[in-house]
Amino acid sequence: MSIASVSLDHAGRPDGALNIDALRADARRESRGLLALLSPGLLLVFAVIIVPIGWLFWLSLFDESGQLSAANYARFFEQASYIKTFVTTFKVAFVVTGACVLFGYPLAYMLSQLPRRAAGVCLIFVILPFWTSVLVRTYAWLVILQRKGLVNTWLMDIGLIGQPLPLANNFAGVVIGTTHIMLPFLVLPLYASMKTIDVDCLRAGMNLGASPAATFRQVFFPLSLPGLASGVVIVFVLCLGFFVTPALMGGGKVIMWAMRMEQTTSLYSNWGAGAALGVVLLAVTLALLGLFHWLLGARATGVWSQR
């Protein structure tokens, strides 16, 4: 029986151990290099996001007299107006997000099926509202939807209604104006996701005997869900902190969380209570986004397990 010889280094260790040590040293050196490259970005995130959020949380722990207290958070449960404002904020966010999905998905699908030049021209009209101030667009909707605005005047002239419809200075006006502002934020990521879908996948489904409706439902729609999820998250989060359009289109009757924070800090100069409003909104938003991410992960796992 022959015994294989093992070469040793000057310390009496096998060459394999020496190679492992060298690889670990290279890995540590590479990690330090990557950390050095990431340091400017990490510092920027810390200065722009972490520090303001920490300062916001710190302010929320002090009452009007400057004493350490939980009174700012206890106010949510003691005053019904806070709960009503909180519910109204998320109600507007959910309704506007649903309306954007209802109108934005067919629009993005139509754009994805057009030739490249025609789609580029149509995308100009999607991006065009960004060239106009949100304030100007909101006042334009007030002119269109008010009691003597274009919509009510036209409907009364053709005899469809006998009196003006309440389309402004209420919840409906807030939803209409905010949906118009938020729609491009859903269409653009959804269109980008749809354009990456391989046409061969759709052809393969039809070659296997699936109808166009079945191909869309079982192939195209699942592949477009990442873009739809991105657009939904963007629209929903923007709606939670939206201020200008709800303040003007609501006519003081629809109070959202951002408006309540503005009143608390500017009108009553209570920075602790305003900071607590921001902390609560941030915590609930992160919880909902986590739940949304978990649901998407569970659905994806279920789809792959079925396959």
Protein backbone atom coordinates (compact mmCIF):
# COMPACT_ATOMS: atom_id res chain seq x y z
CA MET A 1 0.00 0.00 0.00
CA SER A 2 1.47 3.37 -1.02
CA ILE A 3 1.13 6.50 1.04
CA ALA A 4 0.57 9.75 -0.90
CA SER A 5 3.05 12.40 -0.05
CA VAL A 6 1.72 15.77 1.13
CA SER A 7 3.82 18.87 0.53
CA LEU A 8 4.27 21.13 3.52
CA ASP A 9 5.10 24.81 3.77
CA HIS A 10 7.79 26.27 6.03
CA ALA A 11 5.35 26.24 8.99
CA GLY A 12 4.58 22.58 8.53
CA ARG A 13 1.06 23.15 7.13
CA PRO A 14 -0.32 21.51 4.00
CA ASP A 15 -0.50 23.59 0.81
CA GLY A 16 -4.33 23.35 0.90
CA ALA A 17 -4.47 25.22 4.20
CA LEU A 18 -2.17 27.89 2.79
CA ASN A 19 -4.45 28.34 -0.22
CA ILE A 20 -7.51 28.66 2.04
CA ASP A 21 -5.81 31.37 4.09
CA ALA A 22 -4.86 33.24 0.93
CA LEU A 23 -8.45 33.05 -0.39
CA ARG A 24 -9.82 34.32 2.91
CA ALA A 25 -7.37 37.22 2.88
CA ASP A 26 -8.44 38.09 -0.69
CA ALA A 27 -12.11 37.95 0.36
CA ARG A 28 -11.46 40.28 3.30
CA ARG A 29 -9.55 42.67 1.06
CA GLU A 30 -12.37 42.68 -1.50
CA SER A 31 -14.97 43.28 1.22
CA ARG A 32 -13.01 46.27 2.53
CA GLY A 33 -12.77 47.63 -1.01
CA LEU A 34 -16.51 47.30 -1.58
CA LEU A 35 -17.21 48.94 1.78
CA ALA A 36 -14.97 51.84 0.80
CA LEU A 37 -16.89 52.24 -2.47
CA LEU A 38 -20.23 52.12 -0.66
CA SER A 39 -19.20 54.51 2.11
CA PRO A 40 -20.23 57.78 0.34
CA GLY A 41 -23.67 56.36 -0.48
CA LEU A 42 -24.12 54.96 3.01
CA LEU A 43 -23.14 58.28 4.56
CA LEU A 44 -25.60 60.10 2.31
CA VAL A 45 -28.41 57.70 3.27
CA PHE A 46 -27.52 58.12 6.94
CA ALA A 47 -27.51 61.92 6.70
CA VAL A 48 -30.63 62.29 4.53
CA ILE A 49 -32.86 59.49 5.85
CA ILE A 50 -31.70 57.99 9.14
CA VAL A 51 -30.84 61.24 10.93
CA PRO A 52 -34.12 63.06 10.05
CA ILE A 53 -36.21 60.03 11.02
CA GLY A 54 -34.34 59.72 14.31
CA TRP A 55 -34.78 63.44 14.97
CA LEU A 56 -38.50 63.11 14.18
CA PHE A 57 -38.85 60.24 16.63
CA TRP A 58 -36.92 62.18 19.29
CA LEU A 59 -39.19 65.23 18.94
CA SER A 60 -42.30 63.06 19.26
CA LEU A 61 -41.28 62.05 22.79
CA PHE A 62 -41.62 65.59 24.22
CA ASP A 63 -44.84 67.42 25.02
CA GLU A 64 -45.55 71.15 24.63
CA SER A 65 -43.74 71.99 27.86
CA GLY A 66 -40.62 70.16 26.75
CA GLN A 67 -41.01 67.29 29.17
CA LEU A 68 -40.40 63.69 28.19
CA SER A 69 -43.87 62.21 27.71
CA ALA A 70 -46.00 59.85 25.65
CA ALA A 71 -48.86 62.35 25.47
CA ASN A 72 -48.39 62.91 21.74
CA TYR A 73 -49.08 59.23 21.04
CA ALA A 74 -51.86 58.95 23.63
CA ARG A 75 -53.69 61.72 21.77
CA PHE A 76 -54.46 59.28 18.94
CA PHE A 77 -56.66 57.23 21.21
CA GLU A 78 -58.19 60.15 23.12
CA GLN A 79 -59.35 62.30 20.20
CA ALA A 80 -61.62 60.85 17.53
CA SER A 81 -60.54 63.48 14.99
CA TYR A 82 -57.10 61.88 14.74
CA ILE A 83 -58.56 58.47 13.97
CA LYS A 84 -60.97 59.98 11.45
CA THR A 85 -58.13 61.80 9.68
CA PHE A 86 -56.01 58.66 9.72
CA VAL A 87 -58.81 56.55 8.19
CA THR A 88 -59.53 59.23 5.57
CA THR A 89 -55.87 59.30 4.53
CA PHE A 90 -55.68 55.57 3.91
CA LYS A 91 -59.13 55.53 2.32
CA VAL A 92 -58.02 58.12 -0.23
CA ALA A 93 -54.76 56.25 -0.81
CA PHE A 94 -56.50 52.92 -1.43
CA VAL A 95 -59.21 54.39 -3.69
CA VAL A 96 -56.74 56.44 -5.74
CA THR A 97 -54.39 53.45 -6.10
CA GLY A 98 -57.28 51.27 -7.26
CA ALA A 99 -58.40 53.93 -9.75
CA CYS A 100 -54.85 54.25 -11.10
CA VAL A 101 -54.67 50.48 -11.58
CA LEU A 102 -58.09 50.47 -13.27
CA PHE A 103 -57.13 53.17 -15.77
CA GLY A 104 -53.37 52.69 -15.90
CA TYR A 105 -53.13 48.99 -16.69
CA PRO A 106 -55.16 49.14 -19.94
CA LEU A 107 -53.24 52.27 -20.95
CA ALA A 108 -49.85 50.68 -20.31
CA TYR A 109 -50.95 47.52 -22.12
CA MET A 110 -52.06 49.53 -25.15
CA LEU A 111 -48.73 51.39 -25.21
CA SER A 112 -46.78 48.13 -24.98
CA GLN A 113 -48.59 46.74 -28.03
CA LEU A 114 -48.04 49.80 -30.24
CA PRO A 115 -45.07 50.14 -32.61
CA ARG A 116 -42.05 51.79 -31.05
CA ARG A 117 -42.53 55.17 -32.78
CA ALA A 118 -46.26 55.37 -32.01
CA ALA A 119 -45.63 54.31 -28.40
CA GLY A 120 -42.99 57.03 -28.06
CA VAL A 121 -45.45 59.66 -29.25
CA CYS A 122 -48.13 58.45 -26.84
CA LEU A 123 -45.66 58.38 -23.96
CA ILE A 124 -45.09 62.09 -24.51
CA PHE A 125 -48.71 62.70 -23.53
CA VAL A 126 -48.23 60.54 -20.42
CA ILE A 127 -45.16 62.52 -19.37
CA LEU A 128 -46.57 65.89 -20.45
CA PRO A 129 -48.37 66.59 -17.11
CA PHE A 130 -44.97 66.57 -15.34
CA TRP A 131 -44.13 69.75 -17.24
CA THR A 132 -46.96 71.59 -15.48
CA SER A 133 -47.08 72.52 -11.81
CA VAL A 134 -49.27 70.36 -9.55
CA LEU A 135 -50.88 73.54 -8.26
CA VAL A 136 -51.86 74.65 -11.77
CA ARG A 137 -53.32 71.24 -12.62
CA THR A 138 -55.30 71.20 -9.38
CA TYR A 139 -56.81 74.62 -10.05
CA ALA A 140 -57.66 73.44 -13.56
CA TRP A 141 -59.64 70.55 -12.07
CA LEU A 142 -61.44 73.02 -9.80
CA VAL A 143 -62.51 75.00 -12.86
CA ILE A 144 -63.69 71.82 -14.59
CA LEU A 145 -65.51 70.21 -11.64
CA GLN A 146 -67.02 73.13 -9.70
CA ARG A 147 -70.78 73.72 -9.63
CA LYS A 148 -70.63 76.07 -12.62
CA GLY A 149 -67.68 74.32 -14.19
CA LEU A 150 -67.34 72.75 -17.59
CA VAL A 151 -68.64 69.29 -16.65
CA ASN A 152 -71.80 70.44 -14.84
CA THR A 153 -72.53 73.11 -17.45
CA TRP A 154 -72.22 70.62 -20.30
CA LEU A 155 -74.35 67.97 -18.56
CA MET A 156 -77.06 70.50 -17.77
CA ASP A 157 -77.03 71.90 -21.32
CA ILE A 158 -77.69 68.49 -22.86
CA GLY A 159 -80.34 67.73 -20.25
CA LEU A 160 -78.71 64.80 -18.44
CA ILE A 161 -78.94 66.47 -15.02
CA GLY A 162 -81.26 69.09 -13.57
CA GLN A 163 -78.88 70.48 -10.97
CA PRO A 164 -75.09 70.57 -10.62
CA LEU A 165 -73.34 67.45 -9.35
CA PRO A 166 -71.11 67.77 -6.25
CA LEU A 167 -67.80 66.99 -7.96
CA ALA A 168 -65.50 69.37 -6.08
CA ASN A 169 -64.80 70.29 -2.46
CA ASN A 170 -65.53 66.73 -1.33
CA PHE A 171 -64.08 63.22 -1.32
CA ALA A 172 -64.92 62.64 -4.99
CA GLY A 173 -63.02 65.76 -6.02
CA VAL A 174 -59.96 64.70 -4.03
CA VAL A 175 -59.99 61.26 -5.67
CA ILE A 176 -60.40 62.67 -9.20
CA GLY A 177 -57.64 65.26 -8.84
CA THR A 178 -55.21 62.95 -7.06
CA THR A 179 -55.79 60.14 -9.57
CA HIS A 180 -54.88 62.47 -12.42
CA ILE A 181 -51.66 63.48 -10.64
CA MET A 182 -50.66 59.91 -9.72
CA LEU A 183 -51.56 58.05 -12.90
CA PRO A 184 -48.20 58.55 -14.69
CA PHE A 185 -46.36 57.14 -11.67
CA LEU A 186 -48.10 53.81 -12.27
CA VAL A 187 -48.10 53.80 -16.07
CA LEU A 188 -44.36 54.36 -16.52
CA PRO A 189 -42.98 51.44 -14.44
CA LEU A 190 -45.77 49.18 -15.65
CA TYR A 191 -45.05 50.01 -19.29
CA ALA A 192 -41.33 49.35 -18.74
CA SER A 193 -42.16 45.95 -17.23
CA MET A 194 -44.51 45.04 -20.07
CA LYS A 195 -41.92 45.91 -22.71
CA THR A 196 -39.50 43.39 -21.20
CA ILE A 197 -41.96 40.49 -21.63
CA ASP A 198 -40.70 38.13 -24.31
CA VAL A 199 -43.17 37.87 -27.19
CA ASP A 200 -42.07 34.26 -27.73
CA CYS A 201 -43.69 33.33 -24.42
CA LEU A 202 -47.04 34.57 -25.70
CA ARG A 203 -46.57 32.79 -29.03
CA ALA A 204 -45.68 29.58 -27.22
CA GLY A 205 -48.88 29.78 -25.20
CA MET A 206 -51.00 30.27 -28.32
CA ASN A 207 -49.15 27.47 -30.12
CA LEU A 208 -50.10 25.17 -27.26
CA GLY A 209 -53.77 25.91 -27.90
CA ALA A 210 -54.47 28.76 -25.48
CA SER A 211 -56.88 31.45 -26.56
CA PRO A 212 -55.76 35.11 -26.58
CA ALA A 213 -57.67 35.71 -23.34
CA ALA A 214 -56.12 32.65 -21.69
CA THR A 215 -52.65 33.67 -22.89
CA PHE A 216 -53.10 37.11 -21.40
CA ARG A 217 -54.46 35.75 -18.13
CA GLN A 218 -51.95 32.93 -17.64
CA VAL A 219 -48.81 34.33 -19.29
CA PHE A 220 -48.83 38.10 -19.84
CA PHE A 221 -50.52 39.24 -16.64
CA PRO A 222 -48.30 37.22 -14.24
CA LEU A 223 -45.18 38.48 -16.01
CA SER A 224 -46.37 42.08 -15.68
CA LEU A 225 -46.98 41.84 -11.93
CA PRO A 226 -43.51 43.12 -10.88
CA GLY A 227 -44.09 46.38 -12.76
CA LEU A 228 -47.64 46.61 -11.43
CA ALA A 229 -46.42 46.06 -7.87
CA SER A 230 -43.79 48.80 -8.27
CA GLY A 231 -46.36 51.25 -9.59
CA VAL A 232 -48.85 50.41 -6.83
CA VAL A 233 -46.25 50.97 -4.11
CA ILE A 234 -45.14 54.30 -5.61
CA VAL A 235 -48.70 55.61 -5.98
CA PHE A 236 -49.83 54.39 -2.56
CA VAL A 237 -46.87 55.90 -0.69
CA LEU A 238 -47.14 59.22 -2.55
CA CYS A 239 -50.86 59.43 -1.77
CA LEU A 240 -50.24 59.01 1.96
CA GLY A 241 -48.16 62.17 2.09
CA PHE A 242 -49.94 64.17 -0.61
CA PHE A 243 -50.90 67.70 0.41
CA VAL A 244 -51.65 70.23 -2.34
CA THR A 245 -54.44 68.51 -4.28
CA PRO A 246 -56.39 67.18 -1.24
CA ALA A 247 -56.15 70.59 0.44
CA LEU A 248 -57.59 72.40 -2.60
CA MET A 249 -59.99 69.80 -4.00
CA GLY A 250 -61.30 68.86 -0.56
CA GLY A 251 -62.34 72.39 0.27
CA GLY A 252 -61.49 71.87 3.95
CA LYS A 253 -63.95 68.97 4.20
CA VAL A 254 -61.42 66.20 3.52
CA ILE A 255 -58.54 66.37 6.02
CA MET A 256 -55.63 64.08 5.36
CA TRP A 257 -52.67 63.21 7.57
CA ALA A 258 -50.24 65.61 5.86
CA MET A 259 -52.71 68.46 6.28
CA ARG A 260 -53.11 67.61 9.96
CA MET A 261 -49.34 67.67 10.44
CA GLU A 262 -49.14 71.07 8.73
CA GLN A 263 -51.86 72.47 10.99
CA THR A 264 -50.24 71.04 14.12
CA THR A 265 -46.81 72.51 13.40
CA SER A 266 -47.62 75.83 11.70
CA LEU A 267 -50.90 76.79 13.37
CA TYR A 268 -50.38 75.40 16.88
CA SER A 269 -46.54 75.28 16.83
CA ASN A 270 -46.65 71.83 18.44
CA TRP A 271 -43.67 70.12 16.85
CA GLY A 272 -43.87 67.11 19.17
CA ALA A 273 -47.42 66.27 18.11
CA GLY A 274 -46.58 66.84 14.46
CA ALA A 275 -43.54 64.58 14.74
CA ALA A 276 -45.67 61.89 16.37
CA LEU A 277 -48.07 62.05 13.42
CA GLY A 278 -45.14 61.48 11.06
CA VAL A 279 -43.78 58.57 13.12
CA VAL A 280 -47.17 56.84 13.24
CA LEU A 281 -47.69 57.29 9.49
CA LEU A 282 -44.20 55.95 8.77
CA ALA A 283 -44.68 52.91 11.02
CA VAL A 284 -48.05 51.98 9.55
CA THR A 285 -46.79 52.50 5.99
CA LEU A 286 -43.77 50.25 6.58
CA ALA A 287 -46.04 47.60 8.11
CA LEU A 288 -48.36 47.68 5.09
CA LEU A 289 -45.43 47.53 2.66
CA GLY A 290 -44.05 44.55 4.57
CA LEU A 291 -47.43 42.83 4.37
CA PHE A 292 -47.63 43.59 0.65
CA HIS A 293 -44.13 42.17 0.10
CA TRP A 294 -45.05 39.05 2.07
CA LEU A 295 -48.23 38.53 0.04
CA LEU A 296 -46.32 38.87 -3.23
CA GLY A 297 -43.71 36.38 -2.00
CA ALA A 298 -46.37 33.93 -0.87
CA ARG A 299 -48.14 34.20 -4.22
CA ALA A 300 -44.92 33.66 -6.16
CA THR A 301 -44.10 30.63 -4.02
CA GLY A 302 -47.58 29.22 -4.62
CA VAL A 303 -47.30 29.73 -8.38
CA TRP A 304 -43.94 27.97 -8.60
CA SER A 305 -45.12 25.12 -6.35
CA GLN A 306 -48.09 24.57 -8.64
CA ARG A 307 -45.74 24.37 -11.63
